[in-house]
Protein backbone atom coordinates (compact mmCIF):
# COMPACT_ATOMS: atom_id res chain seq x y z
CA MET A 1 -87.45 41.28 36.94
CA ASN A 2 -91.20 41.03 37.71
CA LEU A 3 -93.66 38.45 38.95
CA ALA A 4 -95.03 37.79 35.48
CA LYS A 5 -91.57 37.04 34.13
CA TRP A 6 -90.55 34.46 36.70
CA ALA A 7 -94.01 32.87 36.73
CA TRP A 8 -93.96 32.57 32.94
CA GLY A 9 -90.47 31.13 33.05
CA ALA A 10 -91.71 28.46 35.45
CA GLY A 11 -94.65 27.57 33.23
CA ALA A 12 -97.24 29.37 35.35
CA LEU A 13 -99.66 32.04 34.13
CA ALA A 14 -98.62 35.56 35.02
CA GLY A 15 -102.14 36.53 35.92
CA GLY A 16 -102.47 33.59 38.27
CA VAL A 17 -99.33 34.58 40.15
CA ILE A 18 -100.45 38.17 40.52
CA VAL A 19 -103.77 36.95 41.84
CA LEU A 20 -101.91 34.70 44.28
CA VAL A 21 -99.94 37.65 45.67
CA SER A 22 -103.12 39.68 45.88
CA VAL A 23 -104.78 36.92 47.88
CA LEU A 24 -101.81 36.76 50.24
CA TRP A 25 -101.85 40.53 50.72
CA PRO A 26 -105.39 41.83 50.00
CA GLY A 27 -106.60 45.41 50.03
CA ASP A 28 -104.20 48.18 50.98
CA HIS A 29 -101.57 45.62 52.00
CA SER A 30 -101.20 44.04 48.56
CA ILE A 31 -97.88 44.18 46.78
CA PRO A 32 -98.13 45.94 43.41
CA PRO A 33 -97.52 43.83 40.28
CA GLY A 34 -93.98 44.16 38.95
CA SER A 35 -92.45 44.60 42.40
CA GLU A 36 -89.15 42.90 43.14
CA VAL A 37 -90.72 41.69 46.40
CA ALA A 38 -92.90 38.57 46.23
CA VAL A 39 -94.09 38.39 49.85
CA ILE A 40 -93.64 40.34 53.07
CA VAL A 41 -93.64 38.30 56.30
CA ASN A 42 -93.89 40.33 59.51
CA GLY A 43 -92.27 43.25 57.75
CA GLN A 44 -89.47 41.14 56.24
CA PRO A 45 -89.58 41.12 52.42
CA ILE A 46 -88.94 37.93 50.44
CA PRO A 47 -87.64 38.94 47.00
CA VAL A 48 -88.86 37.49 43.73
CA GLU A 49 -85.32 36.24 43.16
CA ASP A 50 -85.66 33.87 46.12
CA VAL A 51 -88.85 32.46 44.63
CA GLU A 52 -87.06 31.90 41.32
CA ILE A 53 -84.29 30.01 43.09
CA ALA A 54 -86.86 27.85 44.89
CA LEU A 55 -88.61 27.14 41.57
CA GLU A 56 -85.32 26.11 39.98
CA ALA A 57 -84.81 23.61 42.80
CA ILE A 58 -88.32 22.22 42.28
CA SER A 59 -87.69 22.00 38.54
CA ARG A 60 -84.51 19.95 39.06
CA ASP A 61 -86.43 17.46 41.21
CA SER A 62 -89.37 17.12 38.80
CA ARG A 63 -89.66 15.77 35.28
CA ASN A 64 -92.91 17.64 34.64
CA PRO A 65 -93.24 21.28 33.54
CA LEU A 66 -93.74 23.69 36.42
CA THR A 67 -97.21 25.04 37.08
CA GLY A 68 -98.89 27.72 39.14
CA GLU A 69 -99.22 25.17 41.94
CA ASP A 70 -95.45 24.85 42.03
CA THR A 71 -95.17 28.62 42.29
CA ASP A 72 -97.65 28.57 45.16
CA ARG A 73 -95.70 25.78 46.84
CA ALA A 74 -92.39 27.65 46.46
CA ILE A 75 -93.84 30.80 48.01
CA GLU A 76 -95.48 28.92 50.87
CA ARG A 77 -92.21 27.13 51.62
CA LEU A 78 -90.34 30.44 51.76
CA ILE A 79 -93.00 31.87 54.08
CA ASP A 80 -92.65 28.86 56.40
CA GLU A 81 -88.86 29.16 56.40
CA GLU A 82 -89.04 32.87 57.17
CA LEU A 83 -91.51 32.30 60.02
CA LEU A 84 -89.30 29.58 61.50
CA PHE A 85 -86.22 31.79 61.15
CA GLN A 86 -87.95 34.73 62.81
CA ARG A 87 -89.14 32.50 65.65
CA GLY A 88 -85.64 31.11 66.10
CA MET A 89 -84.26 34.62 66.34
CA ALA A 90 -86.98 35.57 68.85
CA LEU A 91 -85.92 32.58 70.98
CA ASP A 92 -82.30 33.78 70.67
CA MET A 93 -81.29 30.42 69.19
CA PRO A 94 -78.02 31.76 67.75
CA ARG A 95 -76.89 32.19 71.36
CA ASN A 96 -78.85 29.47 73.18
CA ALA A 97 -78.52 26.57 70.72
CA SER A 98 -74.88 25.49 70.46
CA ASN A 99 -75.28 23.88 67.03
CA VAL A 100 -76.88 27.04 65.60
CA ARG A 101 -74.21 29.23 67.18
CA ARG A 102 -71.42 27.07 65.77
CA SER A 103 -73.03 27.07 62.31
CA ILE A 104 -73.15 30.87 62.32
CA VAL A 105 -69.56 31.16 63.54
CA MET A 106 -68.34 28.74 60.86
CA SER A 107 -70.28 30.63 58.19
CA MET A 108 -68.64 33.88 59.32
CA ILE A 109 -65.22 32.24 59.21
CA ASP A 110 -65.90 31.15 55.62
CA PHE A 111 -67.15 34.66 54.84
CA ALA A 112 -63.95 36.24 56.17
CA ARG A 113 -61.64 33.71 54.47
CA ALA A 114 -63.35 34.35 51.13
CA ASP A 115 -61.81 37.84 51.17
CA ALA A 116 -58.29 36.39 50.85
CA ALA A 117 -55.95 37.96 48.34
CA PRO A 118 -55.76 36.24 44.93
CA LEU A 119 -52.78 34.12 43.94
CA PRO A 120 -49.69 36.23 43.19
CA ASP A 121 -47.58 36.15 40.03
CA ASP A 122 -44.91 33.51 39.42
CA ASN A 123 -42.06 35.55 40.88
CA GLU A 124 -43.82 36.05 44.22
CA LEU A 125 -44.98 32.44 44.26
CA ARG A 126 -41.42 31.21 43.64
CA ALA A 127 -40.13 33.44 46.45
CA PHE A 128 -42.79 31.98 48.74
CA PHE A 129 -41.66 28.48 47.73
CA GLU A 130 -38.02 29.28 48.55
CA ASP A 131 -39.00 30.72 51.95
CA ASN A 132 -41.04 27.61 52.82
CA VAL A 133 -39.14 24.87 51.02
CA GLU A 134 -39.26 22.65 54.13
CA PHE A 135 -42.98 22.12 53.49
CA PHE A 136 -42.27 20.61 50.08
CA ASP A 137 -39.71 17.93 50.79
CA ALA A 138 -39.52 15.51 47.87
CA GLU A 139 -40.36 11.83 48.40
CA ASP A 140 -38.71 8.63 47.31
CA ARG A 141 -40.32 7.14 44.22
CA TYR A 142 -41.00 3.50 43.40
CA ARG A 143 -42.12 1.34 40.50
CA VAL A 144 -43.57 -1.88 41.90
CA ARG A 145 -44.93 -5.23 40.82
CA TRP A 146 -47.65 -6.66 43.04
CA GLU A 147 -49.06 -10.19 43.11
CA SER A 148 -51.67 -11.69 45.41
CA ALA A 149 -53.13 -15.10 46.22
CA PRO A 150 -55.91 -16.41 48.51
CA THR A 151 -53.46 -18.76 50.26
CA ARG A 152 -49.72 -18.90 50.86
CA ASP A 153 -49.29 -21.56 48.16
CA GLY A 154 -52.11 -20.39 45.91
CA GLU A 155 -51.81 -19.13 42.36
CA ARG A 156 -50.47 -15.58 42.33
CA ARG A 157 -52.28 -13.03 40.25
CA ARG A 158 -51.97 -9.32 39.63
CA PRO A 159 -54.71 -7.52 41.64
CA ALA A 160 -57.18 -5.30 39.82
CA ALA A 161 -56.03 -2.39 42.01
CA HIS A 162 -52.40 -2.75 40.85
CA PRO A 163 -50.58 0.61 40.71
CA PRO A 164 -49.91 2.04 37.23
CA ASN A 165 -46.60 1.13 35.64
CA ARG A 166 -44.75 4.33 36.50
CA MET A 167 -42.76 5.90 39.33
CA LEU A 168 -44.94 6.72 42.33
CA THR A 169 -44.34 8.25 45.74
CA ALA A 170 -45.31 6.40 48.90
CA THR A 171 -48.25 8.78 49.23
CA ASP A 172 -49.48 7.71 45.79
CA LEU A 173 -48.84 4.02 46.48
CA ARG A 174 -51.08 4.07 49.56
CA ARG A 175 -54.08 4.70 47.31
CA TYR A 176 -53.45 1.32 45.67
CA LEU A 177 -51.65 -0.82 48.24
CA GLY A 178 -52.92 0.48 51.56
CA ASP A 179 -50.77 1.35 54.57
CA ALA A 180 -49.37 -2.10 55.42
CA LEU A 181 -48.11 -2.98 51.94
CA THR A 182 -46.79 0.52 51.30
CA PHE A 183 -44.79 0.37 54.53
CA ALA A 184 -43.36 -2.95 53.37
CA VAL A 185 -42.26 -1.36 50.09
CA GLN A 186 -40.57 1.50 51.94
CA SER A 187 -38.69 -1.02 54.11
CA ALA A 188 -37.53 -3.18 51.21
CA THR A 189 -34.38 -3.06 49.08
CA PRO A 190 -34.75 -2.12 45.40
CA GLY A 191 -34.80 -5.26 43.26
CA GLU A 192 -35.90 -7.40 46.21
CA THR A 193 -39.12 -9.41 46.18
CA ILE A 194 -40.83 -9.43 49.57
CA GLY A 195 -43.59 -11.69 50.77
CA PRO A 196 -45.77 -13.40 51.43
CA ILE A 197 -47.36 -10.62 53.48
CA GLU A 198 -50.73 -11.51 54.92
CA THR A 199 -53.23 -8.66 55.08
CA GLY A 200 -56.86 -8.22 54.18
CA GLY A 201 -57.43 -11.97 54.23
CA ARG A 202 -54.97 -12.61 51.36
CA PHE A 203 -51.25 -13.12 50.80
CA HIS A 204 -49.18 -10.58 48.86
CA TRP A 205 -45.79 -10.40 47.13
CA LEU A 206 -44.16 -7.12 46.13
CA SER A 207 -41.12 -6.34 43.96
CA ILE A 208 -39.46 -2.95 43.60
CA THR A 209 -38.52 -2.86 39.93
CA GLU A 210 -37.24 0.73 39.98
CA TYR A 211 -36.34 3.18 42.71
CA SER A 212 -35.46 6.88 42.79
CA PRO A 213 -34.36 8.53 46.04
CA ALA A 214 -35.80 11.85 47.11
CA GLY A 215 -34.01 14.90 45.82
CA THR A 216 -34.29 18.65 46.28
CA PRO A 217 -37.88 19.77 45.67
CA VAL A 218 -38.38 21.68 42.43
CA PHE A 219 -40.89 24.50 42.12
CA GLU A 220 -42.38 23.23 38.85
CA ASP A 221 -43.06 19.81 40.42
CA GLN A 222 -44.56 21.31 43.56
CA ARG A 223 -46.55 24.18 42.04
CA ARG A 224 -49.99 22.92 43.09
CA ARG A 225 -48.84 22.36 46.65
CA VAL A 226 -47.21 25.80 46.71
CA GLU A 227 -50.43 27.42 45.52
CA ALA A 228 -52.47 25.48 48.09
CA LEU A 229 -50.19 26.52 50.96
CA TRP A 230 -50.15 30.15 49.79
CA GLN A 231 -53.96 30.17 49.57
CA GLU A 232 -54.24 28.66 53.05
CA ARG A 233 -51.92 31.32 54.48
CA ALA A 234 -53.82 34.09 52.66
CA GLU A 235 -57.16 32.86 54.00
CA GLU A 236 -55.77 32.70 57.54
CA ALA A 237 -54.46 36.26 57.19
CA ALA A 238 -57.85 37.46 55.91
CA LEU A 239 -59.60 35.84 58.87
CA GLU A 240 -57.16 37.32 61.39
CA SER A 241 -57.60 40.78 59.83
CA TYR A 242 -61.39 40.48 59.92
CA ILE A 243 -61.42 39.42 63.57
CA ALA A 244 -58.97 42.19 64.47
CA GLU A 245 -61.32 44.74 62.89
CA LEU A 246 -64.25 43.32 64.87
CA ARG A 247 -62.22 43.57 68.08
CA ARG A 248 -61.29 47.19 67.36
CA ALA A 249 -64.97 48.09 66.94
CA ALA A 250 -66.15 46.06 69.95
CA ASP A 251 -66.63 47.09 73.58
CA ILE A 252 -64.95 44.25 75.47
CA GLN A 253 -64.79 44.32 79.27
CA ARG A 254 -62.88 41.65 81.19
CA GLN A 255 -62.93 40.61 84.81
CA PRO A 256 -59.36 40.39 86.16
CA LEU A 257 -58.15 36.87 86.82
CA PRO A 258 -57.63 35.94 90.50
CA ASP A 259 -53.83 36.08 90.26
CA GLN A 260 -53.76 39.50 88.62
């Protein structure tokens, strides 16, 4: 990929971009046309690919075709960012600024977790489910009818946020009813109508029209949760392995604690 190609793709003239680079780096310090490097800042190269990415961002934010000025702006922005980054490193900000340090640490954690093993086949996933079945306890399920009114004696109407007419767990019901009304459902007897319950500035009545007690969790019903837990465990293992490798390669010296 060369300067002419990405400049043309952005709507800028290839010759104009080459001239721009020549102006930035005149004489013996100019970067030859066709190089994969767009700019060099204090010895640190900024690749053409980074300029293309910056131009794509500008294009998404603009309705007009890109021009040579946009190319110039993208390059200047990358130069500014590189200068600020280099200055931050010179000031040892990764160590002295707690927010920068934490950002780097969190990025490294994400980097290490990304190396987690892929999901296994069904047999291994089922075995994992059986070994960790306590994490997938089934929940009671309810079908409810919900009515609401502005006052205790007001006209009752079905709220717009009424749950769908099917069996739902308490976890699902909370998305529609909220915590207080869901707790009331869990405390009620199937077939019973409870209310009025005052919450959120209104009065509510709830009926449990169908109820199914929790049973033994089934792999097919819990597959997504099984995959999520397996992925979480795999990412934790990848992080622990990465940190262990860093520790093995590090020179760590400790001062003995007072009671040692």
